Amino acid sequence: MPVSQTSMQAYAAIQKKLSANQSIVYNAIRKHPLASNRDIADDLGWPINTVTPRCNELRQLGLVELGGTKRSRTTGISVQWMYAVG
């Protein structure tokens, strides 16, 4: 399905407001919905303590929401997953 012009404009406006690391994490969440902080850290090859604050910032900006819980592939414990809303 083609992306509407207004959707592309909204996406560009969001990207301009984000720091470089916020933008990278936001794009990773958009690419991998249902991702946990650990999933994103593994995907980007970043330490979890770099990813988690960026996810929290994106949540405060209203661009990311928590969706539910799932079992971590790494630790086997229950973790929250998130998705991009912006």
Protein backbone atom coordinates (compact mmCIF):
# COMPACT_ATOMS: atom_id res chain seq x y z
CA MET A 1 0.00 0.00 0.00
CA PRO A 2 1.47 3.38 -0.93
CA VAL A 3 2.22 5.83 1.85
CA SER A 4 0.20 9.04 1.71
CA GLN A 5 1.91 12.40 1.32
CA THR A 6 0.62 13.53 4.73
CA SER A 7 2.05 10.42 6.38
CA MET A 8 5.45 11.09 4.85
CA GLN A 9 5.30 14.72 6.00
CA ALA A 10 4.36 13.69 9.54
CA TYR A 11 7.22 11.16 9.61
CA ALA A 12 9.70 13.80 8.40
CA ALA A 13 8.49 16.25 11.06
CA ILE A 14 8.97 13.64 13.80
CA GLN A 15 12.48 12.82 12.61
CA LYS A 16 13.52 16.50 12.78
CA LYS A 17 12.55 16.68 16.48
CA LEU A 18 14.58 13.66 17.58
CA SER A 19 18.24 13.32 18.51
CA ALA A 20 20.34 11.00 16.37
CA ASN A 21 20.10 8.10 18.85
CA GLN A 22 16.36 8.67 19.43
CA SER A 23 15.82 8.53 15.68
CA ILE A 24 17.80 5.29 15.34
CA VAL A 25 15.86 3.64 18.18
CA TYR A 26 12.52 4.95 16.87
CA ASN A 27 13.25 3.51 13.42
CA ALA A 28 14.24 0.17 15.00
CA ILE A 29 10.93 0.06 16.90
CA ARG A 30 9.01 0.87 13.69
CA LYS A 31 10.93 -1.88 11.90
CA HIS A 32 10.38 -4.43 14.68
CA PRO A 33 7.00 -3.94 16.35
CA LEU A 34 6.56 -6.01 19.51
CA ALA A 35 10.24 -5.43 20.34
CA SER A 36 11.54 -5.19 23.89
CA ASN A 37 14.43 -2.99 24.96
CA ARG A 38 16.70 -6.07 24.77
CA ASP A 39 15.46 -6.92 21.26
CA ILE A 40 16.28 -3.40 20.08
CA ALA A 41 19.67 -3.42 21.81
CA ASP A 42 20.52 -6.76 20.17
CA ASP A 43 19.30 -5.55 16.77
CA LEU A 44 21.37 -2.37 16.94
CA GLY A 45 24.38 -3.95 18.64
CA TRP A 46 24.10 -1.34 21.42
CA PRO A 47 24.27 -1.80 25.19
CA ILE A 48 20.83 -2.04 26.81
CA ASN A 49 21.65 0.97 29.00
CA THR A 50 21.88 3.09 25.84
CA VAL A 51 18.59 1.85 24.39
CA THR A 52 16.35 1.94 27.48
CA PRO A 53 16.62 5.71 28.12
CA ARG A 54 15.92 6.45 24.44
CA CYS A 55 12.80 4.25 24.57
CA ASN A 56 11.63 6.07 27.70
CA GLU A 57 12.19 9.42 25.99
CA LEU A 58 10.20 8.27 22.96
CA ARG A 59 7.39 7.14 25.25
CA GLN A 60 7.36 10.56 26.95
CA LEU A 61 7.13 12.20 23.51
CA GLY A 62 4.11 10.01 22.72
CA LEU A 63 5.83 8.27 19.81
CA VAL A 64 6.07 4.84 21.42
CA GLU A 65 3.66 2.94 23.64
CA LEU A 66 3.97 -0.21 25.70
CA GLY A 67 1.84 -2.96 24.31
CA GLY A 68 2.03 -5.91 26.64
CA THR A 69 4.39 -8.58 27.83
CA LYS A 70 6.19 -11.50 26.25
CA ARG A 71 8.88 -13.96 27.24
CA SER A 72 12.41 -12.76 26.54
CA ARG A 73 14.36 -14.90 24.12
CA THR A 74 17.55 -14.03 25.99
CA THR A 75 16.60 -14.38 29.65
CA GLY A 76 13.32 -16.32 29.56
CA ILE A 77 11.65 -13.79 31.88
CA SER A 78 8.59 -11.69 31.12
CA VAL A 79 9.42 -8.36 29.43
CA GLN A 80 7.36 -5.50 28.06
CA TRP A 81 7.21 -4.93 24.33
CA MET A 82 6.47 -1.65 22.57
CA TYR A 83 5.36 -0.25 19.27
CA ALA A 84 5.61 3.08 17.43
CA VAL A 85 2.46 5.18 17.30
CA GLY A 86 3.82 8.23 15.50
